[in-house]
Each structure stands twice: as C-alpha cells, then as structure tokens.
Amino acid sequence: MPTKRIQSDSRRASQSRGYIGLTYDTITSPDNATMVRSIAIFGAAVAFIASPWAEFLLPP
C-alpha cells in the first residue's frame, strides 16, 4: 500500500485562519515589533497634541 500524504499543520492553519487572525499574527510577530511600537507612540503623541492636555506645553 502506498503511504498517505499528510498536510502539514501550518498549511492547514493558514487556510483556516481568517483575515483577523492573520492580521493579529502579523502584528504580534517579533519581526514587526519595532514598527508596531513606533506607530503606537506616534498615535499616542498625535492624540496628546490634539487633546486639551497639550496646553500644558505652552509657556506661561
């Protein structure tokens, strides 16, 4: 009898995962950690400057 070919689990997992799951895996990948942190800090800075708290940066 010939042996059966078994699909690898990684291929099956990538087919069954949806768009949100793949996006989450991409964001949490260690290869992308620097870029994700940079975008998060930039977003926090923009939110701070656009808020009323930015008035504390003005000189008296």
N, C-alpha and C. Protein backbone atom coordinates (compact mmCIF):
# COMPACT_ATOMS: atom_id res chain seq x y z
N MET A 1 0.82 -1.19 0.00
CA MET A 1 0.00 0.00 0.00
C MET A 1 0.87 1.25 0.00
N PRO A 2 0.51 2.22 -0.82
CA PRO A 2 1.27 3.47 -0.79
C PRO A 2 0.98 4.25 0.49
N THR A 3 1.96 5.00 0.91
CA THR A 3 1.76 5.82 2.12
C THR A 3 0.90 7.02 1.79
N LYS A 4 0.15 7.47 2.76
CA LYS A 4 -0.71 8.64 2.59
C LYS A 4 0.10 9.90 2.88
N ARG A 5 -0.18 10.91 2.11
CA ARG A 5 0.46 12.20 2.37
C ARG A 5 -0.39 12.98 3.35
N ILE A 6 0.26 13.50 4.35
CA ILE A 6 -0.43 14.27 5.38
C ILE A 6 -0.05 15.73 5.21
N GLN A 7 -1.05 16.59 5.13
CA GLN A 7 -0.75 18.01 5.03
C GLN A 7 -0.12 18.49 6.32
N SER A 8 0.80 19.41 6.16
CA SER A 8 1.42 19.97 7.36
C SER A 8 0.40 20.83 8.10
N ASP A 9 0.54 20.90 9.40
CA ASP A 9 -0.40 21.67 10.23
C ASP A 9 -0.33 23.16 9.92
N SER A 10 0.85 23.66 9.56
CA SER A 10 0.96 25.09 9.30
C SER A 10 0.18 25.48 8.06
N ARG A 11 0.18 24.63 7.06
CA ARG A 11 -0.57 24.95 5.84
C ARG A 11 -2.07 24.92 6.13
N ARG A 12 -2.49 23.94 6.87
CA ARG A 12 -3.91 23.84 7.21
C ARG A 12 -4.34 25.00 8.10
N ALA A 13 -3.47 25.40 9.02
CA ALA A 13 -3.81 26.51 9.92
C ALA A 13 -3.92 27.81 9.15
N SER A 14 -3.05 28.01 8.16
CA SER A 14 -3.11 29.26 7.41
C SER A 14 -4.34 29.32 6.53
N GLN A 15 -4.83 28.17 6.09
CA GLN A 15 -6.04 28.16 5.27
C GLN A 15 -7.28 28.39 6.11
N SER A 16 -7.29 27.90 7.32
CA SER A 16 -8.49 28.01 8.14
C SER A 16 -8.57 29.34 8.90
N ARG A 17 -7.46 30.05 9.03
CA ARG A 17 -7.47 31.32 9.74
C ARG A 17 -8.07 32.40 8.87
N GLY A 18 -8.77 33.29 9.49
CA GLY A 18 -9.38 34.39 8.76
C GLY A 18 -8.46 35.59 8.67
N TYR A 19 -9.02 36.64 8.14
CA TYR A 19 -8.27 37.88 7.96
C TYR A 19 -7.84 38.46 9.30
N ILE A 20 -8.69 38.43 10.28
CA ILE A 20 -8.37 39.00 11.60
C ILE A 20 -7.26 38.19 12.27
N GLY A 21 -7.33 36.89 12.16
CA GLY A 21 -6.30 36.04 12.76
C GLY A 21 -4.93 36.25 12.13
N LEU A 22 -4.89 36.37 10.82
CA LEU A 22 -3.62 36.60 10.14
C LEU A 22 -3.07 37.99 10.47
N THR A 23 -3.97 38.97 10.57
CA THR A 23 -3.54 40.32 10.94
C THR A 23 -2.96 40.33 12.35
N TYR A 24 -3.61 39.64 13.27
CA TYR A 24 -3.12 39.56 14.65
C TYR A 24 -1.74 38.90 14.69
N ASP A 25 -1.56 37.83 13.93
CA ASP A 25 -0.27 37.15 13.89
C ASP A 25 0.82 38.07 13.33
N THR A 26 0.47 38.86 12.33
CA THR A 26 1.44 39.78 11.74
C THR A 26 1.83 40.87 12.74
N ILE A 27 0.84 41.42 13.44
CA ILE A 27 1.12 42.50 14.40
C ILE A 27 1.95 42.00 15.57
N THR A 28 1.67 40.79 16.05
CA THR A 28 2.37 40.28 17.23
C THR A 28 3.66 39.55 16.89
N SER A 29 4.03 39.53 15.63
CA SER A 29 5.27 38.88 15.22
C SER A 29 6.47 39.66 15.77
N PRO A 30 7.47 38.96 16.28
CA PRO A 30 8.66 39.66 16.79
C PRO A 30 9.39 40.45 15.71
N ASP A 31 9.25 40.05 14.45
CA ASP A 31 9.91 40.77 13.36
C ASP A 31 9.32 42.17 13.18
N ASN A 32 8.07 42.37 13.56
CA ASN A 32 7.40 43.64 13.36
C ASN A 32 7.27 44.47 14.63
N ALA A 33 7.89 44.06 15.70
CA ALA A 33 7.71 44.72 17.00
C ALA A 33 8.15 46.19 16.96
N THR A 34 9.24 46.50 16.31
CA THR A 34 9.73 47.88 16.26
C THR A 34 8.76 48.79 15.53
N MET A 35 8.25 48.31 14.41
CA MET A 35 7.31 49.12 13.62
C MET A 35 6.01 49.33 14.38
N VAL A 36 5.51 48.30 15.05
CA VAL A 36 4.26 48.42 15.80
C VAL A 36 4.42 49.40 16.94
N ARG A 37 5.55 49.35 17.64
CA ARG A 37 5.80 50.31 18.73
C ARG A 37 5.89 51.74 18.21
N SER A 38 6.55 51.92 17.08
CA SER A 38 6.69 53.26 16.51
C SER A 38 5.33 53.85 16.14
N ILE A 39 4.48 53.04 15.52
CA ILE A 39 3.15 53.50 15.14
C ILE A 39 2.32 53.82 16.38
N ALA A 40 2.43 53.00 17.42
CA ALA A 40 1.67 53.24 18.65
C ALA A 40 2.12 54.53 19.33
N ILE A 41 3.42 54.78 19.40
CA ILE A 41 3.92 56.00 20.03
C ILE A 41 3.52 57.22 19.22
N PHE A 42 3.57 57.13 17.89
CA PHE A 42 3.15 58.23 17.04
C PHE A 42 1.67 58.54 17.26
N GLY A 43 0.85 57.50 17.33
CA GLY A 43 -0.59 57.69 17.57
C GLY A 43 -0.86 58.33 18.91
N ALA A 44 -0.12 57.90 19.93
CA ALA A 44 -0.30 58.49 21.26
C ALA A 44 0.13 59.96 21.27
N ALA A 45 1.20 60.30 20.57
CA ALA A 45 1.66 61.69 20.50
C ALA A 45 0.64 62.57 19.79
N VAL A 46 0.10 62.09 18.69
CA VAL A 46 -0.91 62.87 17.96
C VAL A 46 -2.15 63.05 18.82
N ALA A 47 -2.57 62.01 19.52
CA ALA A 47 -3.75 62.12 20.39
C ALA A 47 -3.50 63.11 21.52
N PHE A 48 -2.28 63.12 22.07
CA PHE A 48 -1.96 64.06 23.15
C PHE A 48 -1.98 65.49 22.65
N ILE A 49 -1.36 65.74 21.50
CA ILE A 49 -1.29 67.10 20.98
C ILE A 49 -2.68 67.61 20.57
N ALA A 50 -3.55 66.72 20.14
CA ALA A 50 -4.89 67.13 19.74
C ALA A 50 -5.84 67.29 20.93
N SER A 51 -5.41 66.90 22.11
CA SER A 51 -6.27 66.98 23.28
C SER A 51 -6.04 68.30 24.03
N PRO A 52 -6.90 68.60 24.98
CA PRO A 52 -6.71 69.81 25.80
C PRO A 52 -5.46 69.73 26.69
N TRP A 53 -4.93 68.57 26.91
CA TRP A 53 -3.72 68.43 27.73
C TRP A 53 -2.50 69.08 27.07
N ALA A 54 -2.55 69.32 25.77
CA ALA A 54 -1.41 69.92 25.07
C ALA A 54 -1.18 71.36 25.53
N GLU A 55 -2.16 71.99 26.16
CA GLU A 55 -1.99 73.37 26.63
C GLU A 55 -0.92 73.46 27.72
N PHE A 56 -0.63 72.35 28.39
CA PHE A 56 0.40 72.37 29.41
C PHE A 56 1.80 72.55 28.80
N LEU A 57 1.93 72.33 27.51
CA LEU A 57 3.21 72.51 26.85
C LEU A 57 3.50 73.97 26.51
N LEU A 58 2.46 74.81 26.52
CA LEU A 58 2.65 76.22 26.20
C LEU A 58 3.33 76.95 27.35
N PRO A 59 4.20 77.91 27.04
CA PRO A 59 4.85 78.65 28.12
C PRO A 59 3.84 79.59 28.77
N PRO A 60 4.04 79.91 30.06
CA PRO A 60 3.09 80.79 30.77
C PRO A 60 3.11 82.22 30.31
